Amino acid sequence: MKSKYFYIIILSAFVALFFSCDEIEGPYIKDEATIWNGKKTLILDFTGHCCGNCPRAHKTIDELVEKFGDAIVPVAVHSTYFAMPETTDTSKPFHYDFRTSFGDFWGGRDYAFGHLDEIYLPTGLVNNLNPDQVTNTNAWAGLIASVLANYPEYNIEIYPSYSNSDSLAKADIKIITNIKNHRELSLLVFIVEDGIIQWQKDYSATPNNIKEYEHNHVLRASFNGNFGDKIKDNNAETIIGDEINKSYSLKINKDWNINNCSIVAFVYDTETKEVLQAETKIVNE
């Protein structure tokens, strides 16, 4: 016959196992117990304040952030003729100009097509800069789910700063290799702003023209152009732990609220245009 001490030991082990399993280390997504290993998804949401269907995409992004949390890095790129201001009179609706050089190049300015050729808003690029990978909002969740559990080839660390004296925002970027490779890499760095209250058309609302619409993840500028900087060629192998460091700065416009601004940085394969990792950091956190 087993002693009572034997059963006490077994019970203690079971209790310890039960409670230890309740603590999950590392990042993860709660829904459906999907494991997240730290790979983040960049969504370039091409949008416009005069696009009445675009709030549907904004809502989709909110739902994706609610579901996947920090795994999502969204950027709202105002472009095409839907981003054109209707007036220069600041007392009238749709006077604000959200357009950027990056948005003009990629999505098109006014009635001219951009690098993506003719696009129909709302539309987006998910983890890719290939023009033939433009997708509508219905595809975004599936594209995210397909890479969510992948282990990231790189980690990105962002160290932002801001100087009130000269209105200069700075971003020090560190890219750390997690998986050795021979990739040719490029880096793009943005500044985005949340909480911009301006007009927006919304065909699902009554009336359609919303005066105090909250625009979030709005691209304000690229620190380093339309394609970024090539930061590594494919001649030499990059090994685990290798680091690449870059620093950027730009002047903040007077109508930007720096307290609502964040830096977004992402690395992509220069040849395949696949976005390998993205990161975001509040400037004045």
Protein backbone atom coordinates (compact mmCIF):
# COMPACT_ATOMS: atom_id res chain seq x y z
CA MET A 1 0.00 0.00 0.00
CA LYS A 2 1.32 3.42 -0.93
CA SER A 3 1.80 5.84 1.95
CA LYS A 4 -0.17 9.04 2.27
CA TYR A 5 3.07 10.94 1.57
CA PHE A 6 3.19 9.43 -1.92
CA TYR A 7 -0.23 10.89 -2.74
CA ILE A 8 0.74 14.25 -1.26
CA ILE A 9 3.80 14.37 -3.53
CA ILE A 10 1.73 13.46 -6.61
CA LEU A 11 -0.90 16.08 -5.74
CA SER A 12 1.76 18.76 -5.18
CA ALA A 13 3.36 17.98 -8.53
CA PHE A 14 -0.01 18.21 -10.28
CA VAL A 15 -0.80 21.58 -8.68
CA ALA A 16 2.62 22.94 -9.60
CA LEU A 17 2.22 21.78 -13.20
CA PHE A 18 -1.28 23.27 -13.44
CA PHE A 19 -0.23 26.72 -12.29
CA SER A 20 3.04 26.75 -14.22
CA CYS A 21 1.13 26.04 -17.46
CA ASP A 22 -1.01 29.11 -16.80
CA GLU A 23 1.97 31.40 -17.40
CA ILE A 24 2.88 31.78 -21.09
CA GLU A 25 6.21 33.38 -21.84
CA GLY A 26 6.84 35.64 -24.77
CA PRO A 27 4.46 37.37 -27.20
CA TYR A 28 1.35 35.52 -28.31
CA ILE A 29 -2.08 36.13 -29.77
CA LYS A 30 -4.95 35.09 -27.51
CA ASP A 31 -7.55 34.37 -30.19
CA GLU A 32 -7.65 30.67 -31.08
CA ALA A 33 -4.39 30.18 -29.14
CA THR A 34 -2.32 31.31 -32.14
CA ILE A 35 1.34 31.51 -31.24
CA TRP A 36 3.05 34.74 -32.23
CA ASN A 37 6.84 34.69 -32.44
CA GLY A 38 7.31 38.42 -32.94
CA LYS A 39 6.96 38.86 -36.70
CA LYS A 40 4.99 42.04 -37.34
CA THR A 41 2.78 42.80 -40.33
CA LEU A 42 2.98 46.11 -42.18
CA ILE A 43 -0.28 47.33 -43.75
CA LEU A 44 -0.03 50.21 -46.19
CA ASP A 45 -3.65 51.39 -46.38
CA PHE A 46 -4.10 53.60 -49.45
CA THR A 47 -6.91 55.94 -48.56
CA GLY A 48 -8.37 59.41 -49.03
CA HIS A 49 -10.57 61.81 -47.11
CA CYS A 50 -12.92 62.11 -50.11
CA CYS A 51 -13.24 58.33 -50.47
CA GLY A 52 -16.61 57.38 -49.02
CA ASN A 53 -15.77 53.66 -48.87
CA CYS A 54 -12.41 54.16 -47.15
CA PRO A 55 -13.78 54.23 -43.58
CA ARG A 56 -14.55 50.55 -44.19
CA ALA A 57 -10.81 49.92 -44.44
CA HIS A 58 -10.16 52.04 -41.35
CA LYS A 59 -12.64 49.88 -39.45
CA THR A 60 -10.96 46.72 -40.74
CA ILE A 61 -7.61 47.94 -39.42
CA ASP A 62 -9.16 48.71 -36.03
CA GLU A 63 -10.57 45.16 -35.92
CA LEU A 64 -7.22 43.65 -36.92
CA VAL A 65 -5.41 45.64 -34.22
CA GLU A 66 -8.04 44.52 -31.71
CA LYS A 67 -7.48 40.89 -32.68
CA PHE A 68 -3.75 40.77 -33.33
CA GLY A 69 -2.49 43.64 -31.15
CA ASP A 70 1.15 44.62 -31.56
CA ALA A 71 1.54 42.24 -34.50
CA ILE A 72 -0.02 44.93 -36.74
CA VAL A 73 1.80 48.06 -37.95
CA PRO A 74 -0.68 50.13 -40.00
CA VAL A 75 0.11 53.20 -42.12
CA ALA A 76 -2.63 55.27 -43.81
CA VAL A 77 -1.29 56.62 -47.12
CA HIS A 78 -3.53 59.37 -48.49
CA SER A 79 -3.24 59.40 -52.28
CA THR A 80 -5.02 59.51 -55.67
CA TYR A 81 -7.66 62.11 -56.53
CA PHE A 82 -9.58 61.03 -53.41
CA ALA A 83 -6.90 62.81 -51.36
CA MET A 84 -7.25 66.11 -53.19
CA PRO A 85 -8.46 69.03 -51.06
CA GLU A 86 -11.70 70.49 -52.40
CA THR A 87 -10.83 74.03 -51.37
CA THR A 88 -8.08 76.17 -49.88
CA ASP A 89 -10.58 77.92 -47.63
CA THR A 90 -9.91 76.52 -44.14
CA SER A 91 -13.44 77.40 -43.04
CA LYS A 92 -14.94 74.96 -45.54
CA PRO A 93 -15.09 71.14 -45.60
CA PHE A 94 -12.31 69.03 -47.09
CA HIS A 95 -9.73 71.81 -47.11
CA TYR A 96 -7.02 69.79 -45.36
CA ASP A 97 -4.16 68.35 -47.40
CA PHE A 98 -3.06 64.88 -46.20
CA ARG A 99 -0.89 64.20 -49.24
CA THR A 100 2.79 63.27 -49.05
CA SER A 101 5.60 62.73 -51.54
CA PHE A 102 5.54 59.00 -50.75
CA GLY A 103 1.77 58.78 -51.28
CA ASP A 104 1.97 60.78 -54.51
CA PHE A 105 4.66 58.48 -55.89
CA TRP A 106 3.10 55.16 -54.91
CA GLY A 107 -0.62 55.85 -55.17
CA GLY A 108 -0.70 58.77 -57.56
CA ARG A 109 -1.44 62.47 -57.14
CA ASP A 110 -4.66 64.06 -58.34
CA TYR A 111 -5.61 62.25 -61.57
CA ALA A 112 -2.14 60.88 -62.39
CA PHE A 113 -1.34 57.23 -61.64
CA GLY A 114 1.51 56.31 -59.31
CA HIS A 115 3.98 53.43 -59.05
CA LEU A 116 1.09 51.05 -58.31
CA ASP A 117 -0.58 52.10 -61.58
CA GLU A 118 -4.34 52.68 -61.32
CA ILE A 119 -5.70 51.70 -57.92
CA TYR A 120 -9.23 51.74 -56.57
CA LEU A 121 -9.63 52.81 -52.97
CA PRO A 122 -9.75 51.40 -50.41
CA THR A 123 -6.85 49.06 -51.13
CA GLY A 124 -3.58 48.11 -49.55
CA LEU A 125 -0.25 46.34 -49.50
CA VAL A 126 0.32 43.77 -46.75
CA ASN A 127 3.92 42.76 -46.00
CA ASN A 128 4.90 43.53 -49.58
CA LEU A 129 5.89 46.38 -51.88
CA ASN A 130 5.12 44.56 -55.13
CA PRO A 131 2.61 46.47 -57.28
CA ASP A 132 0.96 43.17 -58.23
CA GLN A 133 0.29 42.40 -54.55
CA VAL A 134 -2.29 45.18 -54.05
CA THR A 135 -5.31 43.69 -52.27
CA ASN A 136 -8.69 44.77 -50.94
CA THR A 137 -9.63 44.79 -47.29
CA ASN A 138 -11.23 41.35 -47.36
CA ALA A 139 -7.85 39.71 -47.96
CA TRP A 140 -5.91 41.41 -45.17
CA ALA A 141 -6.81 39.09 -42.27
CA GLY A 142 -5.86 36.01 -44.28
CA LEU A 143 -2.52 37.49 -45.33
CA ILE A 144 -1.74 38.32 -41.72
CA ALA A 145 -2.72 34.86 -40.48
CA SER A 146 -0.50 33.21 -43.11
CA VAL A 147 2.68 34.70 -41.62
CA LEU A 148 1.69 35.29 -37.99
CA ALA A 149 3.45 32.24 -36.56
CA ASN A 150 6.63 32.72 -38.64
CA TYR A 151 9.79 33.44 -36.73
CA PRO A 152 11.11 36.90 -37.73
CA GLU A 153 14.34 36.99 -39.69
CA TYR A 154 15.08 40.36 -38.13
CA ASN A 155 14.22 42.46 -35.11
CA ILE A 156 14.02 46.23 -35.33
CA GLU A 157 14.69 48.63 -32.47
CA ILE A 158 13.71 52.30 -32.80
CA TYR A 159 15.15 55.06 -30.63
CA PRO A 160 13.28 58.31 -31.42
CA SER A 161 13.87 61.80 -30.11
CA TYR A 162 12.52 65.29 -30.69
CA SER A 163 14.01 68.74 -30.21
CA ASN A 164 11.59 71.60 -29.50
CA SER A 165 14.25 74.19 -30.27
CA ASP A 166 14.56 73.26 -33.95
CA SER A 167 11.42 71.05 -34.43
CA LEU A 168 13.65 68.20 -35.51
CA ALA A 169 12.56 64.59 -35.09
CA LYS A 170 15.30 61.97 -35.07
CA ALA A 171 15.14 58.20 -35.44
CA ASP A 172 18.02 55.89 -34.61
CA ILE A 173 17.28 52.45 -36.06
CA LYS A 174 18.92 49.12 -35.20
CA ILE A 175 18.25 46.00 -37.28
CA ILE A 176 19.31 42.73 -35.65
CA THR A 177 19.62 39.45 -37.58
CA ASN A 178 17.76 36.45 -36.15
CA ILE A 179 18.25 34.00 -39.04
CA LYS A 180 21.40 33.91 -41.15
CA ASN A 181 20.80 34.74 -44.81
CA HIS A 182 22.16 36.22 -48.05
CA ARG A 183 19.36 38.72 -48.57
CA GLU A 184 19.75 42.15 -50.11
CA LEU A 185 17.98 44.50 -47.71
CA SER A 186 16.37 47.92 -47.83
CA LEU A 187 15.03 50.03 -44.97
CA LEU A 188 12.14 52.49 -45.06
CA VAL A 189 11.37 54.86 -42.18
CA PHE A 190 8.19 56.93 -41.77
CA ILE A 191 6.68 59.33 -39.31
CA VAL A 192 2.92 58.84 -38.77
CA GLU A 193 0.36 60.70 -36.69
CA ASP A 194 -2.77 59.60 -34.81
CA GLY A 195 -5.80 61.60 -33.73
CA ILE A 196 -6.07 64.07 -36.61
CA ILE A 197 -9.60 65.50 -36.54
CA GLN A 198 -10.70 66.48 -40.04
CA TRP A 199 -13.42 65.90 -42.59
CA GLN A 200 -14.05 62.46 -44.11
CA LYS A 201 -16.66 61.12 -46.50
CA ASP A 202 -18.39 57.97 -45.28
CA TYR A 203 -21.10 56.43 -47.43
CA SER A 204 -22.27 54.25 -44.54
CA ALA A 205 -23.05 57.31 -42.40
CA THR A 206 -25.84 59.89 -42.49
CA PRO A 207 -24.92 62.53 -43.44
CA ASN A 208 -22.06 61.25 -45.64
CA ASN A 209 -19.72 64.12 -44.80
CA ILE A 210 -18.32 63.76 -41.29
CA LYS A 211 -16.85 66.93 -39.85
CA GLU A 212 -14.92 65.56 -36.85
CA TYR A 213 -13.61 62.25 -38.13
CA GLU A 214 -10.57 60.85 -36.33
CA HIS A 215 -7.80 59.96 -38.78
CA ASN A 216 -5.20 57.56 -37.38
CA HIS A 217 -1.88 56.05 -38.54
CA VAL A 218 -1.62 58.90 -41.06
CA LEU A 219 1.64 59.01 -43.00
CA ARG A 220 3.20 62.41 -42.54
CA ALA A 221 6.52 61.88 -44.30
CA SER A 222 9.20 59.39 -45.23
CA PHE A 223 12.60 59.97 -43.69
CA ASN A 224 14.37 58.32 -46.61
CA GLY A 225 12.44 58.57 -49.86
CA ASN A 226 10.06 56.34 -51.77
CA PHE A 227 12.06 53.11 -51.58
CA GLY A 228 14.26 53.81 -48.55
CA ASP A 229 17.95 52.94 -48.33
CA LYS A 230 19.71 49.77 -49.40
CA ILE A 231 21.42 48.68 -46.20
CA LYS A 232 22.89 45.31 -47.20
CA ASP A 233 23.86 43.54 -50.42
CA ASN A 234 23.56 39.81 -51.00
CA ASN A 235 27.25 39.06 -51.49
CA ALA A 236 28.06 38.26 -47.88
CA GLU A 237 26.12 36.09 -45.47
CA THR A 238 24.57 37.83 -42.50
CA ILE A 239 24.86 35.74 -39.34
CA ILE A 240 22.71 35.64 -36.22
CA GLY A 241 23.32 38.67 -34.01
CA ASP A 242 24.68 40.92 -36.77
CA GLU A 243 23.50 44.53 -36.44
CA ILE A 244 22.88 47.32 -38.93
CA ASN A 245 22.49 50.84 -37.55
CA LYS A 246 21.04 53.86 -39.32
CA SER A 247 20.08 57.37 -38.19
CA TYR A 248 17.62 59.81 -39.72
CA SER A 249 16.13 63.23 -39.01
CA LEU A 250 13.48 65.51 -40.47
CA LYS A 251 11.77 68.81 -39.74
CA ILE A 252 8.30 68.58 -38.19
CA ASN A 253 5.63 70.72 -39.84
CA LYS A 254 3.87 73.22 -37.61
CA ASP A 255 0.45 71.56 -38.00
CA TRP A 256 1.69 68.15 -36.82
CA ASN A 257 1.14 67.22 -33.19
CA ILE A 258 4.43 65.62 -32.20
CA ASN A 259 2.81 64.13 -29.10
CA ASN A 260 0.64 61.99 -31.39
CA CYS A 261 3.45 61.00 -33.73
CA SER A 262 5.25 57.66 -34.05
CA ILE A 263 8.17 56.34 -36.05
CA VAL A 264 7.51 53.35 -38.30
CA ALA A 265 10.46 51.40 -39.69
CA PHE A 266 10.46 48.28 -41.83
CA VAL A 267 13.01 46.18 -43.68
CA TYR A 268 12.24 44.46 -46.96
CA ASP A 269 14.01 42.22 -49.43
CA THR A 270 15.19 44.57 -52.17
CA GLU A 271 14.83 41.88 -54.84
CA THR A 272 11.54 40.18 -53.90
CA LYS A 273 9.96 43.28 -52.24
CA GLU A 274 8.77 41.12 -49.32
CA VAL A 275 8.54 43.04 -46.04
CA LEU A 276 10.46 40.96 -43.50
CA GLN A 277 9.86 42.92 -40.31
CA ALA A 278 8.22 46.15 -39.16
CA GLU A 279 8.26 48.15 -35.96
CA THR A 280 6.74 51.32 -34.54
CA LYS A 281 7.62 53.56 -31.60
CA ILE A 282 5.96 56.67 -30.19
CA VAL A 283 8.25 59.68 -30.52
CA ASN A 284 7.56 61.23 -27.11
CA GLU A 285 6.81 58.06 -25.17
